[in-house]
Amino acid sequence: MRKICYGTSSDRGEKFRSRILSVVETCKKRKLSPITVISTIIAGVVGKCDYPDVFGLTSA
């Protein structure tokens, strides 16, 4: 069995945790609300829309 690290006991859980923390840290650097950004991403996925440009990377 895998050692539990930060509340995850699987590789899948660890990948999820690291991705969420990456989004949160990016939001902090860009002075954005992590909850708003993650909610926007989830709404896009659930609505089967194009990936939302939450960080303004494609805006000119």
PDB file of N, CA and C in Angstrom:
ATOM      1  N   MET A   1       0.842  -1.187   0.000  1.00  0.00           N
ATOM      2  CA  MET A   1       0.000   0.000   0.000  1.00  0.00           C
ATOM      3  C   MET A   1       0.888   1.252   0.000  1.00  0.00           C
ATOM      4  N   ARG A   2       0.419   2.259  -0.661  1.00  0.00           N
ATOM      5  CA  ARG A   2       1.143   3.514  -0.797  1.00  0.00           C
ATOM      6  C   ARG A   2       1.017   4.335   0.486  1.00  0.00           C
ATOM      7  N   LYS A   3       2.077   5.018   0.850  1.00  0.00           N
ATOM      8  CA  LYS A   3       2.056   5.882   2.026  1.00  0.00           C
ATOM      9  C   LYS A   3       1.122   7.066   1.769  1.00  0.00           C
ATOM     10  N   ILE A   4       0.325   7.401   2.760  1.00  0.00           N
ATOM     11  CA  ILE A   4      -0.600   8.526   2.626  1.00  0.00           C
ATOM     12  C   ILE A   4       0.176   9.833   2.770  1.00  0.00           C
ATOM     13  N   CYS A   5      -0.028  10.725   1.819  1.00  0.00           N
ATOM     14  CA  CYS A   5       0.681  12.003   1.801  1.00  0.00           C
ATOM     15  C   CYS A   5      -0.334  13.124   1.557  1.00  0.00           C
ATOM     16  N   TYR A   6      -0.445  14.055   2.480  1.00  0.00           N
ATOM     17  CA  TYR A   6      -1.393  15.167   2.362  1.00  0.00           C
ATOM     18  C   TYR A   6      -2.821  14.682   2.124  1.00  0.00           C
ATOM     19  N   GLY A   7      -3.198  13.577   2.731  1.00  0.00           N
ATOM     20  CA  GLY A   7      -4.562  13.080   2.651  1.00  0.00           C
ATOM     21  C   GLY A   7      -4.872  12.262   1.414  1.00  0.00           C
ATOM     22  N   THR A   8      -3.896  12.019   0.560  1.00  0.00           N
ATOM     23  CA  THR A   8      -4.141  11.188  -0.615  1.00  0.00           C
ATOM     24  C   THR A   8      -3.448   9.850  -0.428  1.00  0.00           C
ATOM     25  N   SER A   9      -4.102   8.822  -0.892  1.00  0.00           N
ATOM     26  CA  SER A   9      -3.491   7.491  -0.786  1.00  0.00           C
ATOM     27  C   SER A   9      -3.367   6.827  -2.150  1.00  0.00           C
ATOM     28  N   SER A  10      -3.448   7.646  -3.207  1.00  0.00           N
ATOM     29  CA  SER A  10      -3.323   7.098  -4.557  1.00  0.00           C
ATOM     30  C   SER A  10      -2.565   8.087  -5.436  1.00  0.00           C
ATOM     31  N   ASP A  11      -2.029   7.588  -6.511  1.00  0.00           N
ATOM     32  CA  ASP A  11      -1.344   8.465  -7.469  1.00  0.00           C
ATOM     33  C   ASP A  11      -2.330   9.451  -8.085  1.00  0.00           C
ATOM     34  N   ARG A  12      -3.543   8.982  -8.345  1.00  0.00           N
ATOM     35  CA  ARG A  12      -4.570   9.848  -8.936  1.00  0.00           C
ATOM     36  C   ARG A  12      -4.906  11.012  -7.991  1.00  0.00           C
ATOM     37  N   GLY A  13      -5.037  10.702  -6.705  1.00  0.00           N
ATOM     38  CA  GLY A  13      -5.306  11.740  -5.715  1.00  0.00           C
ATOM     39  C   GLY A  13      -4.169  12.734  -5.602  1.00  0.00           C
ATOM     40  N   GLU A  14      -2.952  12.248  -5.683  1.00  0.00           N
ATOM     41  CA  GLU A  14      -1.778  13.123  -5.617  1.00  0.00           C
ATOM     42  C   GLU A  14      -1.708  14.037  -6.837  1.00  0.00           C
ATOM     43  N   LYS A  15      -2.035  13.521  -8.024  1.00  0.00           N
ATOM     44  CA  LYS A  15      -2.051  14.355  -9.236  1.00  0.00           C
ATOM     45  C   LYS A  15      -3.104  15.453  -9.117  1.00  0.00           C
ATOM     46  N   PHE A  16      -4.294  15.074  -8.606  1.00  0.00           N
ATOM     47  CA  PHE A  16      -5.370  16.051  -8.434  1.00  0.00           C
ATOM     48  C   PHE A  16      -4.936  17.150  -7.466  1.00  0.00           C
ATOM     49  N   ARG A  17      -4.363  16.751  -6.335  1.00  0.00           N
ATOM     50  CA  ARG A  17      -3.918  17.707  -5.323  1.00  0.00           C
ATOM     51  C   ARG A  17      -2.868  18.663  -5.890  1.00  0.00           C
ATOM     52  N   SER A  18      -1.903  18.129  -6.605  1.00  0.00           N
ATOM     53  CA  SER A  18      -0.842  18.986  -7.136  1.00  0.00           C
ATOM     54  C   SER A  18      -1.378  19.946  -8.199  1.00  0.00           C
ATOM     55  N   ARG A  19      -2.341  19.509  -8.983  1.00  0.00           N
ATOM     56  CA  ARG A  19      -2.921  20.391 -10.011  1.00  0.00           C
ATOM     57  C   ARG A  19      -3.734  21.514  -9.376  1.00  0.00           C
ATOM     58  N   ILE A  20      -4.518  21.179  -8.354  1.00  0.00           N
ATOM     59  CA  ILE A  20      -5.309  22.204  -7.665  1.00  0.00           C
ATOM     60  C   ILE A  20      -4.381  23.220  -7.001  1.00  0.00           C
ATOM     61  N   LEU A  21      -3.331  22.741  -6.336  1.00  0.00           N
ATOM     62  CA  LEU A  21      -2.382  23.658  -5.700  1.00  0.00           C
ATOM     63  C   LEU A  21      -1.692  24.546  -6.728  1.00  0.00           C
ATOM     64  N   SER A  22      -1.423  24.023  -7.906  1.00  0.00           N
ATOM     65  CA  SER A  22      -0.819  24.815  -8.968  1.00  0.00           C
ATOM     66  C   SER A  22      -1.754  25.941  -9.409  1.00  0.00           C
ATOM     67  N   VAL A  23      -3.035  25.623  -9.568  1.00  0.00           N
ATOM     68  CA  VAL A  23      -4.024  26.639  -9.942  1.00  0.00           C
ATOM     69  C   VAL A  23      -4.121  27.701  -8.846  1.00  0.00           C
ATOM     70  N   VAL A  24      -4.166  27.271  -7.594  1.00  0.00           N
ATOM     71  CA  VAL A  24      -4.268  28.211  -6.474  1.00  0.00           C
ATOM     72  C   VAL A  24      -3.053  29.142  -6.430  1.00  0.00           C
ATOM     73  N   GLU A  25      -1.860  28.606  -6.597  1.00  0.00           N
ATOM     74  CA  GLU A  25      -0.651  29.436  -6.576  1.00  0.00           C
ATOM     75  C   GLU A  25      -0.622  30.408  -7.752  1.00  0.00           C
ATOM     76  N   THR A  26      -1.065  29.969  -8.926  1.00  0.00           N
ATOM     77  CA  THR A  26      -1.131  30.863 -10.084  1.00  0.00           C
ATOM     78  C   THR A  26      -2.126  31.987  -9.825  1.00  0.00           C
ATOM     79  N   CYS A  27      -3.263  31.652  -9.224  1.00  0.00           N
ATOM     80  CA  CYS A  27      -4.267  32.668  -8.890  1.00  0.00           C
ATOM     81  C   CYS A  27      -3.702  33.694  -7.916  1.00  0.00           C
ATOM     82  N   LYS A  28      -2.965  33.239  -6.924  1.00  0.00           N
ATOM     83  CA  LYS A  28      -2.355  34.164  -5.957  1.00  0.00           C
ATOM     84  C   LYS A  28      -1.413  35.134  -6.660  1.00  0.00           C
ATOM     85  N   LYS A  29      -0.585  34.620  -7.566  1.00  0.00           N
ATOM     86  CA  LYS A  29       0.372  35.470  -8.274  1.00  0.00           C
ATOM     87  C   LYS A  29      -0.324  36.478  -9.178  1.00  0.00           C
ATOM     88  N   ARG A  30      -1.476  36.084  -9.724  1.00  0.00           N
ATOM     89  CA  ARG A  30      -2.207  36.972 -10.635  1.00  0.00           C
ATOM     90  C   ARG A  30      -3.307  37.761  -9.931  1.00  0.00           C
ATOM     91  N   LYS A  31      -3.363  37.625  -8.600  1.00  0.00           N
ATOM     92  CA  LYS A  31      -4.360  38.315  -7.774  1.00  0.00           C
ATOM     93  C   LYS A  31      -5.785  38.004  -8.226  1.00  0.00           C
ATOM     94  N   LEU A  32      -6.052  36.719  -8.456  1.00  0.00           N
ATOM     95  CA  LEU A  32      -7.377  36.236  -8.836  1.00  0.00           C
ATOM     96  C   LEU A  32      -7.935  35.372  -7.713  1.00  0.00           C
ATOM     97  N   SER A  33      -9.241  35.222  -7.682  1.00  0.00           N
ATOM     98  CA  SER A  33      -9.879  34.356  -6.699  1.00  0.00           C
ATOM     99  C   SER A  33      -9.789  32.899  -7.162  1.00  0.00           C
ATOM    100  N   PRO A  34      -9.127  32.039  -6.381  1.00  0.00           N
ATOM    101  CA  PRO A  34      -9.041  30.626  -6.766  1.00  0.00           C
ATOM    102  C   PRO A  34     -10.417  29.968  -6.894  1.00  0.00           C
ATOM    103  N   ILE A  35     -11.343  30.333  -6.013  1.00  0.00           N
ATOM    104  CA  ILE A  35     -12.692  29.747  -6.058  1.00  0.00           C
ATOM    105  C   ILE A  35     -13.386  30.128  -7.359  1.00  0.00           C
ATOM    106  N   THR A  36     -13.286  31.386  -7.748  1.00  0.00           N
ATOM    107  CA  THR A  36     -13.914  31.842  -8.992  1.00  0.00           C
ATOM    108  C   THR A  36     -13.299  31.147 -10.201  1.00  0.00           C
ATOM    109  N   VAL A  37     -11.988  31.051 -10.231  1.00  0.00           N
ATOM    110  CA  VAL A  37     -11.299  30.424 -11.364  1.00  0.00           C
ATOM    111  C   VAL A  37     -11.665  28.947 -11.468  1.00  0.00           C
ATOM    112  N   ILE A  38     -11.593  28.228 -10.358  1.00  0.00           N
ATOM    113  CA  ILE A  38     -11.915  26.796 -10.373  1.00  0.00           C
ATOM    114  C   ILE A  38     -13.384  26.582 -10.718  1.00  0.00           C
ATOM    115  N   SER A  39     -14.274  27.438 -10.203  1.00  0.00           N
ATOM    116  CA  SER A  39     -15.702  27.334 -10.530  1.00  0.00           C
ATOM    117  C   SER A  39     -15.948  27.554 -12.019  1.00  0.00           C
ATOM    118  N   THR A  40     -15.244  28.515 -12.608  1.00  0.00           N
ATOM    119  CA  THR A  40     -15.378  28.788 -14.041  1.00  0.00           C
ATOM    120  C   THR A  40     -14.912  27.596 -14.871  1.00  0.00           C
ATOM    121  N   ILE A  41     -13.800  26.993 -14.463  1.00  0.00           N
ATOM    122  CA  ILE A  41     -13.290  25.817 -15.171  1.00  0.00           C
ATOM    123  C   ILE A  41     -14.281  24.664 -15.072  1.00  0.00           C
ATOM    124  N   ILE A  42     -14.802  24.420 -13.879  1.00  0.00           N
ATOM    125  CA  ILE A  42     -15.764  23.327 -13.685  1.00  0.00           C
ATOM    126  C   ILE A  42     -17.026  23.570 -14.499  1.00  0.00           C
ATOM    127  N   ALA A  43     -17.529  24.812 -14.506  1.00  0.00           N
ATOM    128  CA  ALA A  43     -18.730  25.133 -15.285  1.00  0.00           C
ATOM    129  C   ALA A  43     -18.500  24.867 -16.769  1.00  0.00           C
ATOM    130  N   GLY A  44     -17.319  25.193 -17.269  1.00  0.00           N
ATOM    131  CA  GLY A  44     -16.999  24.932 -18.673  1.00  0.00           C
ATOM    132  C   GLY A  44     -16.956  23.452 -18.990  1.00  0.00           C
ATOM    133  N   VAL A  45     -16.379  22.673 -18.082  1.00  0.00           N
ATOM    134  CA  VAL A  45     -16.292  21.221 -18.289  1.00  0.00           C
ATOM    135  C   VAL A  45     -17.678  20.592 -18.234  1.00  0.00           C
ATOM    136  N   VAL A  46     -18.462  20.963 -17.228  1.00  0.00           N
ATOM    137  CA  VAL A  46     -19.809  20.396 -17.080  1.00  0.00           C
ATOM    138  C   VAL A  46     -20.689  20.791 -18.261  1.00  0.00           C
ATOM    139  N   GLY A  47     -20.547  22.043 -18.725  1.00  0.00           N
ATOM    140  CA  GLY A  47     -21.335  22.521 -19.855  1.00  0.00           C
ATOM    141  C   GLY A  47     -20.785  22.096 -21.203  1.00  0.00           C
ATOM    142  N   LYS A  48     -19.684  21.335 -21.198  1.00  0.00           N
ATOM    143  CA  LYS A  48     -19.032  20.853 -22.420  1.00  0.00           C
ATOM    144  C   LYS A  48     -18.708  21.999 -23.378  1.00  0.00           C
ATOM    145  N   CYS A  49     -18.202  23.090 -22.803  1.00  0.00           N
ATOM    146  CA  CYS A  49     -17.807  24.268 -23.575  1.00  0.00           C
ATOM    147  C   CYS A  49     -16.308  24.215 -23.835  1.00  0.00           C
ATOM    148  N   ASP A  50     -15.836  25.149 -24.636  1.00  0.00           N
ATOM    149  CA  ASP A  50     -14.396  25.289 -24.812  1.00  0.00           C
ATOM    150  C   ASP A  50     -13.779  25.647 -23.469  1.00  0.00           C
ATOM    151  N   TYR A  51     -12.510  25.299 -23.307  1.00  0.00           N
ATOM    152  CA  TYR A  51     -11.813  25.612 -22.069  1.00  0.00           C
ATOM    153  C   TYR A  51     -11.797  27.125 -21.869  1.00  0.00           C
ATOM    154  N   PRO A  52     -12.277  27.599 -20.718  1.00  0.00           N
ATOM    155  CA  PRO A  52     -12.324  29.049 -20.499  1.00  0.00           C
ATOM    156  C   PRO A  52     -10.928  29.642 -20.312  1.00  0.00           C
ATOM    157  N   ASP A  53     -10.735  30.848 -20.806  1.00  0.00           N
ATOM    158  CA  ASP A  53      -9.452  31.542 -20.683  1.00  0.00           C
ATOM    159  C   ASP A  53      -9.421  32.293 -19.347  1.00  0.00           C
ATOM    160  N   VAL A  54      -9.330  31.547 -18.259  1.00  0.00           N
ATOM    161  CA  VAL A  54      -9.434  32.130 -16.922  1.00  0.00           C
ATOM    162  C   VAL A  54      -8.230  32.980 -16.538  1.00  0.00           C
ATOM    163  N   PHE A  55      -7.093  32.765 -17.166  1.00  0.00           N
ATOM    164  CA  PHE A  55      -5.897  33.530 -16.828  1.00  0.00           C
ATOM    165  C   PHE A  55      -5.572  34.598 -17.868  1.00  0.00           C
ATOM    166  N   GLY A  56      -6.444  34.778 -18.854  1.00  0.00           N
ATOM    167  CA  GLY A  56      -6.236  35.804 -19.867  1.00  0.00           C
ATOM    168  C   GLY A  56      -5.039  35.555 -20.762  1.00  0.00           C
ATOM    169  N   LEU A  57      -4.745  34.303 -21.033  1.00  0.00           N
ATOM    170  CA  LEU A  57      -3.563  33.969 -21.827  1.00  0.00           C
ATOM    171  C   LEU A  57      -3.768  34.169 -23.323  1.00  0.00           C
ATOM    172  N   THR A  58      -5.021  34.117 -23.785  1.00  0.00           N
ATOM    173  CA  THR A  58      -5.265  34.283 -25.220  1.00  0.00           C
ATOM    174  C   THR A  58      -5.825  35.661 -25.550  1.00  0.00           C
ATOM    175  N   SER A  59      -6.062  36.484 -24.532  1.00  0.00           N
ATOM    176  CA  SER A  59      -6.577  37.831 -24.765  1.00  0.00           C
ATOM    177  C   SER A  59      -5.454  38.731 -25.252  1.00  0.00           C
ATOM    178  N   ALA A  60      -5.798  39.579 -26.192  1.00  0.00           N
ATOM    179  CA  ALA A  60      -4.770  40.483 -26.735  1.00  0.00           C
ATOM    180  C   ALA A  60      -4.806  41.822 -26.078  1.00  0.00           C
TER     181      ALA A  60
END
